[in-house]
Amino acid sequence: MSLHDDLTSVQRRLDDLMRCVGRLDEHAGDSLDMRRVRTDAGHLRESLTLLQSSVPALAGRAPVEMVTIPDAPYDRGLWDDAEDEGLGSPHRHAP
């Protein structure tokens, strides 16, 4: 399945869930647990909407290039001028 097909499928199932939550709400009444279910279902709907709006941006991106990091130790010369966080330069005294 393509990404578009998957999103459409999720949207249909979410619509079914929202209808079921509405029917359940009629039977269960306004309780704390029912409010949680309605809120969670609403959050799912909002999240899916955000995902659907970001998909075109994600589809246009180039694939991420993997960078290999060698296991060999770094050259110690890379750290010669670095300062230790909170201690300052090695040539000065710490406060």
N, C-alpha and C. Protein backbone atom coordinates (compact mmCIF):
# COMPACT_ATOMS: atom_id res chain seq x y z
N MET A 1 0.83 -1.18 0.00
CA MET A 1 0.00 0.00 0.00
C MET A 1 0.88 1.25 0.00
N SER A 2 0.39 2.27 -0.62
CA SER A 2 1.11 3.53 -0.62
C SER A 2 0.78 4.31 0.65
N LEU A 3 1.54 5.32 0.91
CA LEU A 3 1.32 6.15 2.09
C LEU A 3 -0.07 6.80 2.04
N HIS A 4 -0.46 7.25 0.86
CA HIS A 4 -1.78 7.87 0.70
C HIS A 4 -2.89 6.87 1.02
N ASP A 5 -2.74 5.63 0.54
CA ASP A 5 -3.73 4.59 0.81
C ASP A 5 -3.81 4.29 2.31
N ASP A 6 -2.66 4.24 2.97
CA ASP A 6 -2.64 3.98 4.41
C ASP A 6 -3.32 5.10 5.18
N LEU A 7 -3.05 6.34 4.82
CA LEU A 7 -3.69 7.47 5.49
C LEU A 7 -5.20 7.47 5.27
N THR A 8 -5.63 7.13 4.07
CA THR A 8 -7.07 7.06 3.78
C THR A 8 -7.72 5.96 4.61
N SER A 9 -7.04 4.83 4.73
CA SER A 9 -7.56 3.72 5.52
C SER A 9 -7.69 4.11 7.00
N VAL A 10 -6.67 4.76 7.52
CA VAL A 10 -6.71 5.21 8.91
C VAL A 10 -7.83 6.23 9.10
N GLN A 11 -8.02 7.12 8.15
CA GLN A 11 -9.08 8.13 8.25
C GLN A 11 -10.45 7.46 8.31
N ARG A 12 -10.67 6.43 7.48
CA ARG A 12 -11.96 5.72 7.49
C ARG A 12 -12.19 5.05 8.84
N ARG A 13 -11.15 4.40 9.35
CA ARG A 13 -11.30 3.72 10.64
C ARG A 13 -11.50 4.71 11.78
N LEU A 14 -10.86 5.84 11.70
CA LEU A 14 -11.04 6.87 12.72
C LEU A 14 -12.46 7.44 12.67
N ASP A 15 -13.00 7.60 11.46
CA ASP A 15 -14.39 8.05 11.32
C ASP A 15 -15.34 7.03 11.96
N ASP A 16 -15.07 5.73 11.74
CA ASP A 16 -15.88 4.68 12.38
C ASP A 16 -15.77 4.76 13.90
N LEU A 17 -14.56 4.98 14.39
CA LEU A 17 -14.35 5.10 15.83
C LEU A 17 -15.14 6.27 16.40
N MET A 18 -15.11 7.41 15.72
CA MET A 18 -15.83 8.59 16.19
C MET A 18 -17.34 8.32 16.24
N ARG A 19 -17.87 7.59 15.24
CA ARG A 19 -19.29 7.24 15.26
C ARG A 19 -19.61 6.33 16.45
N CYS A 20 -18.74 5.34 16.69
CA CYS A 20 -18.94 4.42 17.82
C CYS A 20 -18.85 5.15 19.15
N VAL A 21 -17.92 6.08 19.27
CA VAL A 21 -17.80 6.86 20.50
C VAL A 21 -19.06 7.69 20.71
N GLY A 22 -19.62 8.24 19.65
CA GLY A 22 -20.86 9.01 19.76
C GLY A 22 -22.01 8.15 20.25
N ARG A 23 -22.13 6.92 19.71
CA ARG A 23 -23.20 6.02 20.16
C ARG A 23 -22.97 5.60 21.61
N LEU A 24 -21.73 5.32 21.95
CA LEU A 24 -21.40 4.94 23.33
C LEU A 24 -21.71 6.07 24.29
N ASP A 25 -21.47 7.28 23.86
CA ASP A 25 -21.73 8.46 24.68
C ASP A 25 -23.21 8.57 25.02
N GLU A 26 -24.08 8.20 24.06
CA GLU A 26 -25.52 8.24 24.30
C GLU A 26 -25.92 7.26 25.39
N HIS A 27 -25.27 6.10 25.44
CA HIS A 27 -25.61 5.07 26.42
C HIS A 27 -24.92 5.29 27.77
N ALA A 28 -23.67 5.71 27.74
CA ALA A 28 -22.89 5.81 28.97
C ALA A 28 -23.13 7.11 29.72
N GLY A 29 -23.54 8.13 29.03
CA GLY A 29 -23.76 9.41 29.69
C GLY A 29 -22.47 10.18 29.89
N ASP A 30 -22.60 11.29 30.61
CA ASP A 30 -21.45 12.18 30.79
C ASP A 30 -20.71 11.82 32.07
N SER A 31 -19.80 10.86 31.97
CA SER A 31 -18.98 10.48 33.11
C SER A 31 -17.53 10.86 32.82
N LEU A 32 -16.70 10.78 33.83
CA LEU A 32 -15.29 11.11 33.66
C LEU A 32 -14.63 10.20 32.63
N ASP A 33 -14.94 8.92 32.69
CA ASP A 33 -14.35 7.97 31.75
C ASP A 33 -14.80 8.24 30.32
N MET A 34 -16.06 8.60 30.15
CA MET A 34 -16.56 8.90 28.80
C MET A 34 -15.92 10.17 28.26
N ARG A 35 -15.72 11.16 29.13
CA ARG A 35 -15.04 12.38 28.69
C ARG A 35 -13.62 12.07 28.24
N ARG A 36 -12.95 11.18 28.95
CA ARG A 36 -11.60 10.78 28.55
C ARG A 36 -11.59 10.11 27.17
N VAL A 37 -12.55 9.23 26.95
CA VAL A 37 -12.64 8.54 25.65
C VAL A 37 -12.88 9.56 24.54
N ARG A 38 -13.81 10.50 24.76
CA ARG A 38 -14.07 11.53 23.74
C ARG A 38 -12.84 12.38 23.48
N THR A 39 -12.14 12.75 24.56
CA THR A 39 -10.94 13.58 24.42
C THR A 39 -9.85 12.83 23.67
N ASP A 40 -9.64 11.55 24.02
CA ASP A 40 -8.61 10.76 23.33
C ASP A 40 -8.94 10.57 21.86
N ALA A 41 -10.19 10.33 21.55
CA ALA A 41 -10.59 10.18 20.14
C ALA A 41 -10.38 11.50 19.39
N GLY A 42 -10.67 12.61 20.05
CA GLY A 42 -10.43 13.92 19.43
C GLY A 42 -8.96 14.17 19.18
N HIS A 43 -8.11 13.75 20.13
CA HIS A 43 -6.66 13.90 19.95
C HIS A 43 -6.17 13.06 18.77
N LEU A 44 -6.72 11.86 18.62
CA LEU A 44 -6.35 11.03 17.47
C LEU A 44 -6.71 11.73 16.16
N ARG A 45 -7.90 12.32 16.12
CA ARG A 45 -8.33 13.03 14.91
C ARG A 45 -7.40 14.20 14.61
N GLU A 46 -7.04 14.97 15.63
CA GLU A 46 -6.14 16.11 15.44
C GLU A 46 -4.76 15.63 14.98
N SER A 47 -4.27 14.56 15.57
CA SER A 47 -2.95 14.04 15.21
C SER A 47 -2.93 13.55 13.76
N LEU A 48 -3.99 12.89 13.36
CA LEU A 48 -4.06 12.42 11.97
C LEU A 48 -4.12 13.59 11.00
N THR A 49 -4.84 14.63 11.35
CA THR A 49 -4.91 15.83 10.50
C THR A 49 -3.53 16.46 10.36
N LEU A 50 -2.79 16.55 11.47
CA LEU A 50 -1.43 17.10 11.41
C LEU A 50 -0.53 16.23 10.54
N LEU A 51 -0.66 14.92 10.68
CA LEU A 51 0.16 14.01 9.87
C LEU A 51 -0.17 14.15 8.40
N GLN A 52 -1.45 14.23 8.07
CA GLN A 52 -1.85 14.37 6.67
C GLN A 52 -1.34 15.67 6.07
N SER A 53 -1.29 16.73 6.87
CA SER A 53 -0.80 18.00 6.34
C SER A 53 0.72 18.01 6.18
N SER A 54 1.42 17.17 6.93
CA SER A 54 2.88 17.13 6.83
C SER A 54 3.38 16.13 5.81
N VAL A 55 2.53 15.25 5.33
CA VAL A 55 2.96 14.22 4.39
C VAL A 55 3.52 14.79 3.09
N PRO A 56 2.90 15.80 2.47
CA PRO A 56 3.50 16.32 1.24
C PRO A 56 4.92 16.85 1.48
N ALA A 57 5.14 17.46 2.63
CA ALA A 57 6.48 17.96 2.93
C ALA A 57 7.46 16.80 3.12
N LEU A 58 7.00 15.72 3.74
CA LEU A 58 7.87 14.57 3.96
C LEU A 58 8.16 13.85 2.65
N ALA A 59 7.17 13.79 1.76
CA ALA A 59 7.35 13.07 0.50
C ALA A 59 8.35 13.77 -0.40
N GLY A 60 8.48 15.10 -0.31
CA GLY A 60 9.38 15.84 -1.17
C GLY A 60 10.82 15.85 -0.71
N ARG A 61 11.08 15.35 0.49
CA ARG A 61 12.43 15.37 1.03
C ARG A 61 13.30 14.28 0.40
N ALA A 62 14.58 14.61 0.30
CA ALA A 62 15.53 13.61 -0.17
C ALA A 62 15.78 12.62 0.97
N PRO A 63 16.11 11.38 0.64
CA PRO A 63 16.38 10.41 1.70
C PRO A 63 17.58 10.85 2.53
N VAL A 64 17.55 10.50 3.79
CA VAL A 64 18.62 10.87 4.71
C VAL A 64 19.86 10.03 4.41
N GLU A 65 20.99 10.70 4.28
CA GLU A 65 22.24 9.99 4.01
C GLU A 65 22.84 9.52 5.33
N MET A 66 23.18 8.25 5.38
CA MET A 66 23.79 7.68 6.57
C MET A 66 25.27 8.05 6.61
N VAL A 67 25.74 8.45 7.78
CA VAL A 67 27.14 8.80 7.97
C VAL A 67 27.77 7.75 8.87
N THR A 68 28.86 7.18 8.41
CA THR A 68 29.56 6.16 9.19
C THR A 68 30.54 6.84 10.12
N ILE A 69 30.49 6.48 11.39
CA ILE A 69 31.40 7.03 12.39
C ILE A 69 32.41 5.94 12.72
N PRO A 70 33.69 6.21 12.54
CA PRO A 70 34.69 5.18 12.77
C PRO A 70 34.81 4.84 14.26
N ASP A 71 35.25 3.63 14.55
CA ASP A 71 35.45 3.19 15.93
C ASP A 71 36.78 3.67 16.50
N ALA A 72 37.68 4.14 15.64
CA ALA A 72 38.99 4.59 16.10
C ALA A 72 38.84 5.83 16.98
N PRO A 73 39.70 6.00 17.98
CA PRO A 73 39.61 7.19 18.85
C PRO A 73 39.87 8.47 18.06
N TYR A 74 39.29 9.57 18.55
CA TYR A 74 39.50 10.87 17.92
C TYR A 74 40.93 11.33 18.17
N ASP A 75 41.39 12.19 17.27
CA ASP A 75 42.69 12.83 17.45
C ASP A 75 42.61 13.75 18.67
N ARG A 76 43.47 13.58 19.66
CA ARG A 76 43.43 14.39 20.88
C ARG A 76 43.69 15.86 20.59
N GLY A 77 44.30 16.16 19.47
CA GLY A 77 44.55 17.54 19.08
C GLY A 77 43.27 18.32 18.81
N LEU A 78 42.18 17.63 18.53
CA LEU A 78 40.89 18.30 18.31
C LEU A 78 40.42 19.03 19.56
N TRP A 79 40.86 18.59 20.72
CA TRP A 79 40.36 19.12 21.99
C TRP A 79 41.35 20.07 22.67
N ASP A 80 42.44 20.43 22.02
CA ASP A 80 43.47 21.26 22.66
C ASP A 80 42.95 22.60 23.15
N ASP A 81 42.17 23.30 22.36
CA ASP A 81 41.69 24.64 22.73
C ASP A 81 40.31 24.63 23.37
N ALA A 82 39.76 23.44 23.62
CA ALA A 82 38.42 23.35 24.18
C ALA A 82 38.43 23.66 25.66
N GLU A 83 37.33 24.22 26.14
CA GLU A 83 37.20 24.51 27.56
C GLU A 83 36.27 23.48 28.19
N ASP A 84 36.59 23.10 29.42
CA ASP A 84 35.70 22.22 30.15
C ASP A 84 34.51 23.03 30.62
N GLU A 85 33.33 22.54 30.35
CA GLU A 85 32.13 23.28 30.72
C GLU A 85 32.09 23.47 32.24
N GLY A 86 31.97 24.70 32.66
CA GLY A 86 31.88 25.01 34.07
C GLY A 86 33.21 25.24 34.74
N LEU A 87 34.30 24.84 34.09
CA LEU A 87 35.61 25.02 34.71
C LEU A 87 36.43 26.09 34.02
N GLY A 88 36.11 26.41 32.81
CA GLY A 88 36.86 27.42 32.08
C GLY A 88 38.09 26.81 31.41
N SER A 89 38.97 27.66 30.98
CA SER A 89 40.18 27.24 30.28
C SER A 89 41.12 26.50 31.25
N PRO A 90 41.88 25.53 30.78
CA PRO A 90 42.79 24.81 31.67
C PRO A 90 43.90 25.70 32.22
N HIS A 91 44.15 26.87 31.64
CA HIS A 91 45.22 27.76 32.10
C HIS A 91 44.73 28.73 33.16
N ARG A 92 43.44 28.76 33.43
CA ARG A 92 42.88 29.64 34.45
C ARG A 92 42.39 28.80 35.61
N HIS A 93 42.25 29.42 36.74
CA HIS A 93 41.73 28.71 37.92
C HIS A 93 40.22 28.74 37.91
N ALA A 94 39.65 27.69 38.43
CA ALA A 94 38.20 27.63 38.55
C ALA A 94 37.76 28.58 39.66
N PRO A 95 36.60 29.16 39.53
CA PRO A 95 36.13 30.11 40.56
C PRO A 95 35.91 29.44 41.91
